[in-house]
């Protein structure tokens, strides 16, 4: 699994590539929590760009749930964007689409965060 980040105004987009399962969950959770802590108190948000996520197991879903709880406890927000069809189906079956706001694209998710974040994305 590979995670890269990019900041757009008050939002951080995390591009997740690969598989999120028992083998990758601990490292992913540790990295994700670092970002949650960095945006939570400043009114910012994290966008999880899951276009490159090929598979998510129940262990991976647990990672998402832990991050969501941590963000909410700190008044932070996490949005999900660009789900692959199989991952979208897993989100729907497990009702994670009710836990997270899910957007078809990163741009749309950034628009939900702030006009500044969307404008920064548009500038490239």
PDB file of N, CA and C in Angstrom:
ATOM      1  N   UNK A   1       0.835  -1.165   0.000  1.00  0.00           N
ATOM      2  CA  UNK A   1       0.000   0.000   0.000  1.00  0.00           C
ATOM      3  C   UNK A   1       0.886   1.236   0.000  1.00  0.00           C
ATOM      4  N   UNK A   2       0.437   2.251  -0.713  1.00  0.00           N
ATOM      5  CA  UNK A   2       1.162   3.511  -0.790  1.00  0.00           C
ATOM      6  C   UNK A   2       0.186   4.649  -0.513  1.00  0.00           C
ATOM      7  N   UNK A   3       0.606   5.595   0.328  1.00  0.00           N
ATOM      8  CA  UNK A   3      -0.213   6.763   0.642  1.00  0.00           C
ATOM      9  C   UNK A   3       0.618   8.006   0.356  1.00  0.00           C
ATOM     10  N   UNK A   4       0.058   8.898  -0.460  1.00  0.00           N
ATOM     11  CA  UNK A   4       0.692  10.189  -0.711  1.00  0.00           C
ATOM     12  C   UNK A   4      -0.300  11.272  -0.322  1.00  0.00           C
ATOM     13  N   UNK A   5       0.230  12.438  -0.010  1.00  0.00           N
ATOM     14  CA  UNK A   5      -0.654  13.517   0.440  1.00  0.00           C
ATOM     15  C   UNK A   5      -0.394  14.793  -0.331  1.00  0.00           C
ATOM     16  N   UNK A   6      -1.426  15.628  -0.341  1.00  0.00           N
ATOM     17  CA  UNK A   6      -1.325  16.945  -0.950  1.00  0.00           C
ATOM     18  C   UNK A   6      -2.304  17.865  -0.240  1.00  0.00           C
ATOM     19  N   UNK A   7      -1.848  19.055   0.108  1.00  0.00           N
ATOM     20  CA  UNK A   7      -2.698  20.012   0.815  1.00  0.00           C
ATOM     21  C   UNK A   7      -3.334  20.977  -0.186  1.00  0.00           C
ATOM     22  N   UNK A   8      -4.620  21.239   0.024  1.00  0.00           N
ATOM     23  CA  UNK A   8      -5.370  22.239  -0.728  1.00  0.00           C
ATOM     24  C   UNK A   8      -6.080  23.116   0.295  1.00  0.00           C
ATOM     25  N   UNK A   9      -5.507  24.293   0.568  1.00  0.00           N
ATOM     26  CA  UNK A   9      -6.050  25.213   1.585  1.00  0.00           C
ATOM     27  C   UNK A   9      -6.189  24.476   2.912  1.00  0.00           C
ATOM     28  N   UNK A  10      -7.412  24.353   3.429  1.00  0.00           N
ATOM     29  CA  UNK A  10      -7.610  23.717   4.737  1.00  0.00           C
ATOM     30  C   UNK A  10      -7.955  22.229   4.631  1.00  0.00           C
ATOM     31  N   UNK A  11      -7.614  21.620   3.518  1.00  0.00           N
ATOM     32  CA  UNK A  11      -7.895  20.189   3.325  1.00  0.00           C
ATOM     33  C   UNK A  11      -6.615  19.457   2.927  1.00  0.00           C
ATOM     34  N   UNK A  12      -6.513  18.239   3.395  1.00  0.00           N
ATOM     35  CA  UNK A  12      -5.422  17.359   2.984  1.00  0.00           C
ATOM     36  C   UNK A  12      -6.036  16.186   2.241  1.00  0.00           C
ATOM     37  N   UNK A  13      -5.573  15.968   1.018  1.00  0.00           N
ATOM     38  CA  UNK A  13      -6.029  14.829   0.228  1.00  0.00           C
ATOM     39  C   UNK A  13      -4.995  13.722   0.379  1.00  0.00           C
ATOM     40  N   UNK A  14      -5.462  12.569   0.817  1.00  0.00           N
ATOM     41  CA  UNK A  14      -4.609  11.384   0.923  1.00  0.00           C
ATOM     42  C   UNK A  14      -4.970  10.434  -0.205  1.00  0.00           C
ATOM     43  N   UNK A  15      -4.033  10.199  -1.103  1.00  0.00           N
ATOM     44  CA  UNK A  15      -4.227   9.273  -2.215  1.00  0.00           C
ATOM     45  C   UNK A  15      -3.769   7.897  -1.741  1.00  0.00           C
ATOM     46  N   UNK A  16      -4.690   6.965  -1.719  1.00  0.00           N
ATOM     47  CA  UNK A  16      -4.413   5.620  -1.208  1.00  0.00           C
ATOM     48  C   UNK A  16      -4.380   4.654  -2.385  1.00  0.00           C
ATOM     49  N   UNK A  17      -3.258   3.962  -2.545  1.00  0.00           N
ATOM     50  CA  UNK A  17      -3.100   2.987  -3.628  1.00  0.00           C
ATOM     51  C   UNK A  17      -2.771   1.621  -3.049  1.00  0.00           C
ATOM     52  N   UNK A  18      -3.381   0.588  -3.619  1.00  0.00           N
ATOM     53  CA  UNK A  18      -3.076  -0.781  -3.208  1.00  0.00           C
ATOM     54  C   UNK A  18      -4.219  -1.440  -2.471  1.00  0.00           C
ATOM     55  N   UNK A  19      -3.857  -2.238  -1.469  1.00  0.00           N
ATOM     56  CA  UNK A  19      -4.828  -3.014  -0.700  1.00  0.00           C
ATOM     57  C   UNK A  19      -4.754  -2.606   0.766  1.00  0.00           C
ATOM     58  N   UNK A  20      -5.925  -2.470   1.386  1.00  0.00           N
ATOM     59  CA  UNK A  20      -5.981  -2.177   2.815  1.00  0.00           C
ATOM     60  C   UNK A  20      -6.535  -3.414   3.505  1.00  0.00           C
ATOM     61  N   UNK A  21      -5.633  -4.143   4.152  1.00  0.00           N
ATOM     62  CA  UNK A  21      -6.017  -5.405   4.784  1.00  0.00           C
ATOM     63  C   UNK A  21      -5.224  -5.582   6.077  1.00  0.00           C
ATOM     64  N   UNK A  22      -5.259  -6.770   6.622  1.00  0.00           N
ATOM     65  CA  UNK A  22      -4.581  -7.065   7.888  1.00  0.00           C
ATOM     66  C   UNK A  22      -3.092  -6.711   7.841  1.00  0.00           C
ATOM     67  N   UNK A  23      -2.463  -6.924   6.695  1.00  0.00           N
ATOM     68  CA  UNK A  23      -1.024  -6.685   6.567  1.00  0.00           C
ATOM     69  C   UNK A  23      -0.658  -5.205   6.509  1.00  0.00           C
ATOM     70  N   UNK A  24      -1.551  -4.366   6.023  1.00  0.00           N
ATOM     71  CA  UNK A  24      -1.236  -2.948   5.828  1.00  0.00           C
ATOM     72  C   UNK A  24      -1.960  -2.019   6.793  1.00  0.00           C
ATOM     73  N   UNK A  25      -2.891  -2.549   7.548  1.00  0.00           N
ATOM     74  CA  UNK A  25      -3.780  -1.730   8.367  1.00  0.00           C
ATOM     75  C   UNK A  25      -3.061  -0.939   9.459  1.00  0.00           C
ATOM     76  N   UNK A  26      -2.145  -1.554  10.161  1.00  0.00           N
ATOM     77  CA  UNK A  26      -1.488  -0.877  11.288  1.00  0.00           C
ATOM     78  C   UNK A  26      -0.723   0.356  10.809  1.00  0.00           C
ATOM     79  N   UNK A  27       0.076   0.197   9.761  1.00  0.00           N
ATOM     80  CA  UNK A  27       0.844   1.332   9.241  1.00  0.00           C
ATOM     81  C   UNK A  27      -0.076   2.412   8.686  1.00  0.00           C
ATOM     82  N   UNK A  28      -1.124   1.998   7.980  1.00  0.00           N
ATOM     83  CA  UNK A  28      -2.069   2.964   7.425  1.00  0.00           C
ATOM     84  C   UNK A  28      -2.755   3.748   8.539  1.00  0.00           C
ATOM     85  N   UNK A  29      -3.200   3.063   9.579  1.00  0.00           N
ATOM     86  CA  UNK A  29      -3.877   3.735  10.690  1.00  0.00           C
ATOM     87  C   UNK A  29      -2.948   4.747  11.348  1.00  0.00           C
ATOM     88  N   UNK A  30      -1.721   4.368  11.583  1.00  0.00           N
ATOM     89  CA  UNK A  30      -0.744   5.269  12.206  1.00  0.00           C
ATOM     90  C   UNK A  30      -0.568   6.528  11.360  1.00  0.00           C
ATOM     91  N   UNK A  31      -0.409   6.346  10.062  1.00  0.00           N
ATOM     92  CA  UNK A  31      -0.218   7.491   9.175  1.00  0.00           C
ATOM     93  C   UNK A  31      -1.471   8.355   9.112  1.00  0.00           C
ATOM     94  N   UNK A  32      -2.625   7.717   8.990  1.00  0.00           N
ATOM     95  CA  UNK A  32      -3.879   8.455   8.908  1.00  0.00           C
ATOM     96  C   UNK A  32      -4.131   9.267  10.173  1.00  0.00           C
ATOM     97  N   UNK A  33      -3.856   8.698  11.331  1.00  0.00           N
ATOM     98  CA  UNK A  33      -4.078   9.413  12.594  1.00  0.00           C
ATOM     99  C   UNK A  33      -3.188  10.650  12.700  1.00  0.00           C
ATOM    100  N   UNK A  34      -2.011  10.604  12.128  1.00  0.00           N
ATOM    101  CA  UNK A  34      -1.140  11.783  12.112  1.00  0.00           C
ATOM    102  C   UNK A  34      -1.813  12.922  11.365  1.00  0.00           C
ATOM    103  N   UNK A  35      -2.420  12.610  10.234  1.00  0.00           N
ATOM    104  CA  UNK A  35      -3.119  13.632   9.460  1.00  0.00           C
ATOM    105  C   UNK A  35      -4.379  14.102  10.178  1.00  0.00           C
ATOM    106  N   UNK A  36      -5.102  13.196  10.807  1.00  0.00           N
ATOM    107  CA  UNK A  36      -6.303  13.573  11.564  1.00  0.00           C
ATOM    108  C   UNK A  36      -5.925  14.598  12.627  1.00  0.00           C
ATOM    109  N   UNK A  37      -4.870  14.327  13.356  1.00  0.00           N
ATOM    110  CA  UNK A  37      -4.428  15.250  14.402  1.00  0.00           C
ATOM    111  C   UNK A  37      -4.018  16.604  13.834  1.00  0.00           C
ATOM    112  N   UNK A  38      -3.454  16.624  12.636  1.00  0.00           N
ATOM    113  CA  UNK A  38      -2.956  17.879  12.065  1.00  0.00           C
ATOM    114  C   UNK A  38      -4.063  18.791  11.549  1.00  0.00           C
ATOM    115  N   UNK A  39      -5.209  18.254  11.173  1.00  0.00           N
ATOM    116  CA  UNK A  39      -6.279  19.107  10.634  1.00  0.00           C
ATOM    117  C   UNK A  39      -7.447  19.305  11.589  1.00  0.00           C
ATOM    118  N   UNK A  40      -7.560  18.474  12.582  1.00  0.00           N
ATOM    119  CA  UNK A  40      -8.779  18.449  13.392  1.00  0.00           C
ATOM    120  C   UNK A  40      -9.107  19.777  14.057  1.00  0.00           C
ATOM    121  N   UNK A  41      -8.180  20.379  14.739  1.00  0.00           N
ATOM    122  CA  UNK A  41      -8.503  21.573  15.513  1.00  0.00           C
ATOM    123  C   UNK A  41      -8.537  22.840  14.672  1.00  0.00           C
ATOM    124  N   UNK A  42      -8.080  22.780  13.452  1.00  0.00           N
ATOM    125  CA  UNK A  42      -8.059  23.964  12.608  1.00  0.00           C
ATOM    126  C   UNK A  42      -9.252  24.090  11.684  1.00  0.00           C
ATOM    127  N   UNK A  43     -10.266  23.267  11.867  1.00  0.00           N
ATOM    128  CA  UNK A  43     -11.441  23.333  11.008  1.00  0.00           C
ATOM    129  C   UNK A  43     -11.220  22.728   9.637  1.00  0.00           C
ATOM    130  N   UNK A  44     -10.142  22.004   9.480  1.00  0.00           N
ATOM    131  CA  UNK A  44      -9.835  21.400   8.197  1.00  0.00           C
ATOM    132  C   UNK A  44     -10.471  20.037   8.034  1.00  0.00           C
ATOM    133  N   UNK A  45     -10.104  19.392   6.956  1.00  0.00           N
ATOM    134  CA  UNK A  45     -10.673  18.081   6.662  1.00  0.00           C
ATOM    135  C   UNK A  45      -9.658  17.235   5.916  1.00  0.00           C
ATOM    136  N   UNK A  46      -9.893  15.946   5.980  1.00  0.00           N
ATOM    137  CA  UNK A  46      -9.121  14.978   5.211  1.00  0.00           C
ATOM    138  C   UNK A  46     -10.035  14.404   4.145  1.00  0.00           C
ATOM    139  N   UNK A  47      -9.525  14.350   2.934  1.00  0.00           N
ATOM    140  CA  UNK A  47     -10.220  13.681   1.839  1.00  0.00           C
ATOM    141  C   UNK A  47      -9.440  12.406   1.554  1.00  0.00           C
ATOM    142  N   UNK A  48     -10.083  11.274   1.688  1.00  0.00           N
ATOM    143  CA  UNK A  48      -9.465   9.999   1.328  1.00  0.00           C
ATOM    144  C   UNK A  48      -9.788   9.719  -0.133  1.00  0.00           C
ATOM    145  N   UNK A  49      -8.806   9.898  -0.996  1.00  0.00           N
ATOM    146  CA  UNK A  49      -8.955   9.605  -2.420  1.00  0.00           C
ATOM    147  C   UNK A  49      -8.681   8.118  -2.598  1.00  0.00           C
ATOM    148  N   UNK A  50      -9.749   7.353  -2.773  1.00  0.00           N
ATOM    149  CA  UNK A  50      -9.627   5.895  -2.826  1.00  0.00           C
ATOM    150  C   UNK A  50      -9.688   5.350  -4.246  1.00  0.00           C
ATOM    151  N   UNK A  51      -9.411   6.197  -5.234  1.00  0.00           N
ATOM    152  CA  UNK A  51      -9.433   5.743  -6.628  1.00  0.00           C
ATOM    153  C   UNK A  51      -8.445   4.610  -6.865  1.00  0.00           C
ATOM    154  N   UNK A  52      -7.344   4.596  -6.126  1.00  0.00           N
ATOM    155  CA  UNK A  52      -6.332   3.561  -6.300  1.00  0.00           C
ATOM    156  C   UNK A  52      -6.436   2.412  -5.319  1.00  0.00           C
ATOM    157  N   UNK A  53      -7.445   2.440  -4.460  1.00  0.00           N
ATOM    158  CA  UNK A  53      -7.616   1.358  -3.487  1.00  0.00           C
ATOM    159  C   UNK A  53      -8.317   0.196  -4.176  1.00  0.00           C
ATOM    160  N   UNK A  54      -7.599  -0.910  -4.311  1.00  0.00           N
ATOM    161  CA  UNK A  54      -8.116  -2.070  -5.033  1.00  0.00           C
ATOM    162  C   UNK A  54      -8.998  -2.958  -4.170  1.00  0.00           C
ATOM    163  N   UNK A  55      -8.724  -2.984  -2.858  1.00  0.00           N
ATOM    164  CA  UNK A  55      -9.428  -3.912  -1.971  1.00  0.00           C
ATOM    165  C   UNK A  55      -9.367  -3.379  -0.550  1.00  0.00           C
ATOM    166  N   UNK A  56     -10.443  -3.560   0.193  1.00  0.00           N
ATOM    167  CA  UNK A  56     -10.449  -3.232   1.615  1.00  0.00           C
ATOM    168  C   UNK A  56     -11.098  -4.388   2.370  1.00  0.00           C
ATOM    169  N   UNK A  57     -10.411  -4.884   3.394  1.00  0.00           N
ATOM    170  CA  UNK A  57     -10.927  -5.985   4.214  1.00  0.00           C
ATOM    171  C   UNK A  57     -11.645  -5.405   5.432  1.00  0.00           C
ATOM    172  N   UNK A  58     -12.164  -6.286   6.276  1.00  0.00           N
ATOM    173  CA  UNK A  58     -12.806  -5.828   7.508  1.00  0.00           C
ATOM    174  C   UNK A  58     -11.795  -5.112   8.401  1.00  0.00           C
ATOM    175  N   UNK A  59     -10.539  -5.540   8.373  1.00  0.00           N
ATOM    176  CA  UNK A  59      -9.498  -4.837   9.134  1.00  0.00           C
ATOM    177  C   UNK A  59      -9.314  -3.420   8.598  1.00  0.00           C
ATOM    178  N   UNK A  60      -9.390  -3.273   7.294  1.00  0.00           N
ATOM    179  CA  UNK A  60      -9.292  -1.952   6.684  1.00  0.00           C
ATOM    180  C   UNK A  60     -10.466  -1.064   7.048  1.00  0.00           C
ATOM    181  N   UNK A  61     -11.659  -1.643   7.071  1.00  0.00           N
ATOM    182  CA  UNK A  61     -12.837  -0.877   7.481  1.00  0.00           C
ATOM    183  C   UNK A  61     -12.690  -0.395   8.920  1.00  0.00           C
ATOM    184  N   UNK A  62     -12.098  -1.231   9.755  1.00  0.00           N
ATOM    185  CA  UNK A  62     -11.862  -0.840  11.148  1.00  0.00           C
ATOM    186  C   UNK A  62     -10.935   0.375  11.200  1.00  0.00           C
ATOM    187  N   UNK A  63      -9.929   0.412  10.344  1.00  0.00           N
ATOM    188  CA  UNK A  63      -9.028   1.572  10.277  1.00  0.00           C
ATOM    189  C   UNK A  63      -9.812   2.842   9.973  1.00  0.00           C
ATOM    190  N   UNK A  64     -10.701   2.754   9.002  1.00  0.00           N
ATOM    191  CA  UNK A  64     -11.521   3.911   8.651  1.00  0.00           C
ATOM    192  C   UNK A  64     -12.396   4.338   9.827  1.00  0.00           C
ATOM    193  N   UNK A  65     -12.981   3.369  10.524  1.00  0.00           N
ATOM    194  CA  UNK A  65     -13.858   3.679  11.650  1.00  0.00           C
ATOM    195  C   UNK A  65     -13.081   4.360  12.780  1.00  0.00           C
ATOM    196  N   UNK A  66     -11.902   3.847  13.093  1.00  0.00           N
ATOM    197  CA  UNK A  66     -11.079   4.465  14.138  1.00  0.00           C
ATOM    198  C   UNK A  66     -10.726   5.907  13.784  1.00  0.00           C
ATOM    199  N   UNK A  67     -10.372   6.142  12.539  1.00  0.00           N
ATOM    200  CA  UNK A  67     -10.032   7.497  12.100  1.00  0.00           C
ATOM    201  C   UNK A  67     -11.243   8.415  12.178  1.00  0.00           C
ATOM    202  N   UNK A  68     -12.405   7.906  11.795  1.00  0.00           N
ATOM    203  CA  UNK A  68     -13.628   8.702  11.864  1.00  0.00           C
ATOM    204  C   UNK A  68     -13.931   9.110  13.299  1.00  0.00           C
ATOM    205  N   UNK A  69     -13.829   8.180  14.208  1.00  0.00           N
ATOM    206  CA  UNK A  69     -14.087   8.484  15.627  1.00  0.00           C
ATOM    207  C   UNK A  69     -13.095   9.512  16.160  1.00  0.00           C
ATOM    208  N   UNK A  70     -11.829   9.339  15.818  1.00  0.00           N
ATOM    209  CA  UNK A  70     -10.798  10.274  16.270  1.00  0.00           C
ATOM    210  C   UNK A  70     -11.060  11.672  15.717  1.00  0.00           C
ATOM    211  N   UNK A  71     -11.397  11.753  14.445  1.00  0.00           N
ATOM    212  CA  UNK A  71     -11.663  13.051  13.826  1.00  0.00           C
ATOM    213  C   UNK A  71     -12.863  13.729  14.482  1.00  0.00           C
ATOM    214  N   UNK A  72     -13.941  12.992  14.684  1.00  0.00           N
ATOM    215  CA  UNK A  72     -15.133  13.572  15.311  1.00  0.00           C
ATOM    216  C   UNK A  72     -14.846  14.033  16.730  1.00  0.00           C
ATOM    217  N   UNK A  73     -14.048  13.293  17.466  1.00  0.00           N
ATOM    218  CA  UNK A  73     -13.702  13.669  18.838  1.00  0.00           C
ATOM    219  C   UNK A  73     -12.923  14.982  18.870  1.00  0.00           C
ATOM    220  N   UNK A  74     -12.246  15.301  17.773  1.00  0.00           N
ATOM    221  CA  UNK A  74     -11.441  16.521  17.693  1.00  0.00           C
ATOM    222  C   UNK A  74     -12.082  17.569  16.786  1.00  0.00           C
ATOM    223  N   UNK A  75     -13.355  17.405  16.480  1.00  0.00           N
ATOM    224  CA  UNK A  75     -14.091  18.323  15.598  1.00  0.00           C
ATOM    225  C   UNK A  75     -13.500  18.380  14.197  1.00  0.00           C
ATOM    226  N   UNK A  76     -12.922  17.290  13.762  1.00  0.00           N
ATOM    227  CA  UNK A  76     -12.390  17.203  12.411  1.00  0.00           C
ATOM    228  C   UNK A  76     -13.356  16.461  11.501  1.00  0.00           C
ATOM    229  N   UNK A  77     -13.045  16.465  10.224  1.00  0.00           N
ATOM    230  CA  UNK A  77     -13.911  15.801   9.250  1.00  0.00           C
ATOM    231  C   UNK A  77     -13.077  14.941   8.310  1.00  0.00           C
ATOM    232  N   UNK A  78     -13.656  13.812   7.927  1.00  0.00           N
ATOM    233  CA  UNK A  78     -13.048  12.941   6.924  1.00  0.00           C
ATOM    234  C   UNK A  78     -14.100  12.663   5.859  1.00  0.00           C
ATOM    235  N   UNK A  79     -13.729  12.909   4.612  1.00  0.00           N
ATOM    236  CA  UNK A  79     -14.586  12.606   3.480  1.00  0.00           C
ATOM    237  C   UNK A  79     -13.910  11.530   2.635  1.00  0.00           C
ATOM    238  N   UNK A  80     -14.702  10.805   1.881  1.00  0.00           N
ATOM    239  CA  UNK A  80     -14.197   9.745   1.010  1.00  0.00           C
ATOM    240  C   UNK A  80     -14.569  10.107  -0.423  1.00  0.00           C
ATOM    241  N   UNK A  81     -13.637   9.871  -1.347  1.00  0.00           N
ATOM    242  CA  UNK A  81     -13.885  10.221  -2.744  1.00  0.00           C
ATOM    243  C   UNK A  81     -13.361   9.147  -3.682  1.00  0.00           C
ATOM    244  N   UNK A  82     -14.001   9.070  -4.843  1.00  0.00           N
ATOM    245  CA  UNK A  82     -13.525   8.289  -5.991  1.00  0.00           C
ATOM    246  C   UNK A  82     -13.369   6.801  -5.689  1.00  0.00           C
ATOM    247  N   UNK A  83     -14.387   6.206  -5.122  1.00  0.00           N
ATOM    248  CA  UNK A  83     -14.337   4.772  -4.806  1.00  0.00           C
ATOM    249  C   UNK A  83     -14.374   3.923  -6.069  1.00  0.00           C
ATOM    250  N   UNK A  84     -13.520   2.904  -6.117  1.00  0.00           N
ATOM    251  CA  UNK A  84     -13.609   1.885  -7.160  1.00  0.00           C
ATOM    252  C   UNK A  84     -14.907   1.106  -6.952  1.00  0.00           C
ATOM    253  N   UNK A  85     -15.494   0.524  -8.002  1.00  0.00           N
ATOM    254  CA  UNK A  85     -16.771  -0.179  -7.853  1.00  0.00           C
ATOM    255  C   UNK A  85     -16.778  -1.252  -6.756  1.00  0.00           C
ATOM    256  N   UNK A  86     -15.725  -2.056  -6.662  1.00  0.00           N
ATOM    257  CA  UNK A  86     -15.721  -3.116  -5.649  1.00  0.00           C
ATOM    258  C   UNK A  86     -15.647  -2.529  -4.240  1.00  0.00           C
ATOM    259  N   UNK A  87     -14.833  -1.497  -4.060  1.00  0.00           N
ATOM    260  CA  UNK A  87     -14.724  -0.857  -2.752  1.00  0.00           C
ATOM    261  C   UNK A  87     -16.029  -0.134  -2.421  1.00  0.00           C
ATOM    262  N   UNK A  88     -16.660   0.475  -3.413  1.00  0.00           N
ATOM    263  CA  UNK A  88     -17.953   1.132  -3.191  1.00  0.00           C
ATOM    264  C   UNK A  88     -18.992   0.119  -2.723  1.00  0.00           C
ATOM    265  N   UNK A  89     -18.971  -1.060  -3.307  1.00  0.00           N
ATOM    266  CA  UNK A  89     -19.905  -2.113  -2.898  1.00  0.00           C
ATOM    267  C   UNK A  89     -19.648  -2.539  -1.452  1.00  0.00           C
ATOM    268  N   UNK A  90     -18.389  -2.667  -1.075  1.00  0.00           N
ATOM    269  CA  UNK A  90     -18.048  -3.020   0.309  1.00  0.00           C
ATOM    270  C   UNK A  90     -18.525  -1.922   1.257  1.00  0.00           C
ATOM    271  N   UNK A  91     -18.339  -0.663   0.877  1.00  0.00           N
ATOM    272  CA  UNK A  91     -18.817   0.450   1.703  1.00  0.00           C
ATOM    273  C   UNK A  91     -20.335   0.390   1.869  1.00  0.00           C
ATOM    274  N   UNK A  92     -21.049   0.074   0.805  1.00  0.00           N
ATOM    275  CA  UNK A  92     -22.512   0.011   0.876  1.00  0.00           C
ATOM    276  C   UNK A  92     -22.980  -1.166   1.726  1.00  0.00           C
ATOM    277  N   UNK A  93     -22.411  -2.329   1.526  1.00  0.00           N
ATOM    278  CA  UNK A  93     -22.812  -3.519   2.282  1.00  0.00           C
ATOM    279  C   UNK A  93     -22.567  -3.319   3.774  1.00  0.00           C
ATOM    280  N   UNK A  94     -21.451  -2.689   4.112  1.00  0.00           N
ATOM    281  CA  UNK A  94     -21.090  -2.482   5.520  1.00  0.00           C
ATOM    282  C   UNK A  94     -21.671  -1.186   6.093  1.00  0.00           C
ATOM    283  N   UNK A  95     -22.397  -0.447   5.262  1.00  0.00           N
ATOM    284  CA  UNK A  95     -23.033   0.820   5.644  1.00  0.00           C
ATOM    285  C   UNK A  95     -22.025   1.918   5.984  1.00  0.00           C
ATOM    286  N   UNK A  96     -20.817   1.799   5.492  1.00  0.00           N
ATOM    287  CA  UNK A  96     -19.828   2.852   5.700  1.00  0.00           C
ATOM    288  C   UNK A  96     -20.164   4.086   4.881  1.00  0.00           C
ATOM    289  N   UNK A  97     -21.004   3.923   3.870  1.00  0.00           N
ATOM    290  CA  UNK A  97     -21.468   5.082   3.121  1.00  0.00           C
ATOM    291  C   UNK A  97     -22.394   5.945   3.974  1.00  0.00           C
ATOM    292  N   UNK A  98     -22.829   5.439   5.123  1.00  0.00           N
ATOM    293  CA  UNK A  98     -23.613   6.231   6.064  1.00  0.00           C
ATOM    294  C   UNK A  98     -22.716   6.855   7.139  1.00  0.00           C
ATOM    295  N   UNK A  99     -21.540   6.303   7.323  1.00  0.00           N
ATOM    296  CA  UNK A  99     -20.581   6.819   8.305  1.00  0.00           C
ATOM    297  C   UNK A  99     -19.797   7.989   7.704  1.00  0.00           C
ATOM    298  N   UNK A 100     -19.424   7.863   6.442  1.00  0.00           N
ATOM    299  CA  UNK A 100     -18.639   8.877   5.746  1.00  0.00           C
ATOM    300  C   UNK A 100     -19.468   9.508   4.642  1.00  0.00           C
ATOM    301  N   UNK A 101     -19.240  10.806   4.406  1.00  0.00           N
ATOM    302  CA  UNK A 101     -19.789  11.416   3.205  1.00  0.00           C
ATOM    303  C   UNK A 101     -18.923  10.935   2.053  1.00  0.00           C
ATOM    304  N   UNK A 102     -19.550  10.368   1.043  1.00  0.00           N
ATOM    305  CA  UNK A 102     -18.835   9.812  -0.105  1.00  0.00           C
ATOM    306  C   UNK A 102     -19.124  10.684  -1.323  1.00  0.00           C
ATOM    307  N   UNK A 103     -18.071  11.055  -2.035  1.00  0.00           N
ATOM    308  CA  UNK A 103     -18.192  11.908  -3.211  1.00  0.00           C
ATOM    309  C   UNK A 103     -17.627  11.182  -4.429  1.00  0.00           C
ATOM    310  N   UNK A 104     -18.193  11.449  -5.611  1.00  0.00           N
ATOM    311  CA  UNK A 104     -17.699  10.792  -6.823  1.00  0.00           C
ATOM    312  C   UNK A 104     -16.275  11.203  -7.201  1.00  0.00           C
ATOM    313  N   UNK A 105     -15.865  12.416  -6.794  1.00  0.00           N
ATOM    314  CA  UNK A 105     -14.531  12.892  -7.166  1.00  0.00           C
ATOM    315  C   UNK A 105     -13.901  13.669  -6.016  1.00  0.00           C
ATOM    316  N   UNK A 106     -12.592  13.801  -6.082  1.00  0.00           N
ATOM    317  CA  UNK A 106     -11.860  14.593  -5.091  1.00  0.00           C
ATOM    318  C   UNK A 106     -12.307  16.045  -5.167  1.00  0.00           C
ATOM    319  N   UNK A 107     -12.490  16.553  -6.370  1.00  0.00           N
ATOM    320  CA  UNK A 107     -12.909  17.957  -6.556  1.00  0.00           C
ATOM    321  C   UNK A 107     -14.221  18.232  -5.830  1.00  0.00           C
ATOM    322  N   UNK A 108     -15.184  17.331  -5.959  1.00  0.00           N
ATOM    323  CA  UNK A 108     -16.474  17.526  -5.291  1.00  0.00           C
ATOM    324  C   UNK A 108     -16.325  17.466  -3.774  1.00  0.00           C
ATOM    325  N   UNK A 109     -15.483  16.593  -3.296  1.00  0.00           N
ATOM    326  CA  UNK A 109     -15.242  16.511  -1.847  1.00  0.00           C
ATOM    327  C   UNK A 109     -14.589  17.795  -1.342  1.00  0.00           C
ATOM    328  N   UNK A 110     -13.625  18.315  -2.081  1.00  0.00           N
ATOM    329  CA  UNK A 110     -12.979  19.563  -1.683  1.00  0.00           C
ATOM    330  C   UNK A 110     -13.973  20.717  -1.671  1.00  0.00           C
ATOM    331  N   UNK A 111     -14.911  20.712  -2.603  1.00  0.00           N
ATOM    332  CA  UNK A 111     -15.953  21.736  -2.613  1.00  0.00           C
ATOM    333  C   UNK A 111     -16.813  21.698  -1.364  1.00  0.00           C
ATOM    334  N   UNK A 112     -16.992  20.511  -0.798  1.00  0.00           N
ATOM    335  CA  UNK A 112     -17.759  20.376   0.444  1.00  0.00           C
ATOM    336  C   UNK A 112     -16.960  20.870   1.646  1.00  0.00           C
ATOM    337  N   UNK A 113     -15.641  20.879   1.539  1.00  0.00           N
ATOM    338  CA  UNK A 113     -14.791  21.364   2.634  1.00  0.00           C
ATOM    339  C   UNK A 113     -14.808  22.885   2.660  1.00  0.00           C
ATOM    340  N   UNK A 114     -14.444  23.502   1.543  1.00  0.00           N
ATOM    341  CA  UNK A 114     -14.427  24.967   1.461  1.00  0.00           C
ATOM    342  C   UNK A 114     -14.225  25.400   0.015  1.00  0.00           C
ATOM    343  N   UNK A 115     -14.644  26.623  -0.270  1.00  0.00           N
ATOM    344  CA  UNK A 115     -14.418  27.162  -1.610  1.00  0.00           C
ATOM    345  C   UNK A 115     -12.922  27.360  -1.854  1.00  0.00           C
ATOM    346  N   UNK A 116     -12.175  27.660  -0.786  1.00  0.00           N
ATOM    347  CA  UNK A 116     -10.731  27.845  -0.915  1.00  0.00           C
ATOM    348  C   UNK A 116     -10.037  26.547  -1.319  1.00  0.00           C
ATOM    349  N   UNK A 117     -10.458  25.444  -0.715  1.00  0.00           N
ATOM    350  CA  UNK A 117      -9.861  24.146  -1.045  1.00  0.00           C
ATOM    351  C   UNK A 117     -10.154  23.776  -2.494  1.00  0.00           C
ATOM    352  N   UNK A 118     -11.392  23.997  -2.928  1.00  0.00           N
ATOM    353  CA  UNK A 118     -11.760  23.694  -4.310  1.00  0.00           C
ATOM    354  C   UNK A 118     -10.991  24.581  -5.285  1.00  0.00           C
ATOM    355  N   UNK A 119     -10.842  25.863  -4.948  1.00  0.00           N
ATOM    356  CA  UNK A 119     -10.106  26.786  -5.812  1.00  0.00           C
ATOM    357  C   UNK A 119      -8.632  26.392  -5.901  1.00  0.00           C
ATOM    358  N   UNK A 120      -8.054  25.974  -4.790  1.00  0.00           N
ATOM    359  CA  UNK A 120      -6.655  25.533  -4.796  1.00  0.00           C
ATOM    360  C   UNK A 120      -6.482  24.303  -5.680  1.00  0.00           C
ATOM    361  N   UNK A 121      -7.449  23.393  -5.645  1.00  0.00           N
ATOM    362  CA  UNK A 121      -7.409  22.202  -6.491  1.00  0.00           C
ATOM    363  C   UNK A 121      -7.480  22.606  -7.961  1.00  0.00           C
ATOM    364  N   UNK A 122      -8.377  23.542  -8.275  1.00  0.00           N
ATOM    365  CA  UNK A 122      -8.548  23.978  -9.659  1.00  0.00           C
ATOM    366  C   UNK A 122      -7.284  24.634 -10.216  1.00  0.00           C
ATOM    367  N   UNK A 123      -6.520  25.282  -9.354  1.00  0.00           N
ATOM    368  CA  UNK A 123      -5.267  25.920  -9.787  1.00  0.00           C
ATOM    369  C   UNK A 123      -4.169  24.898 -10.055  1.00  0.00           C
ATOM    370  N   UNK A 124      -4.363  23.698  -9.501  1.00  0.00           N
ATOM    371  CA  UNK A 124      -3.392  22.630  -9.728  1.00  0.00           C
ATOM    372  C   UNK A 124      -2.395  22.600  -8.666  1.00  0.00           C
TER     373      UNK A 124
END
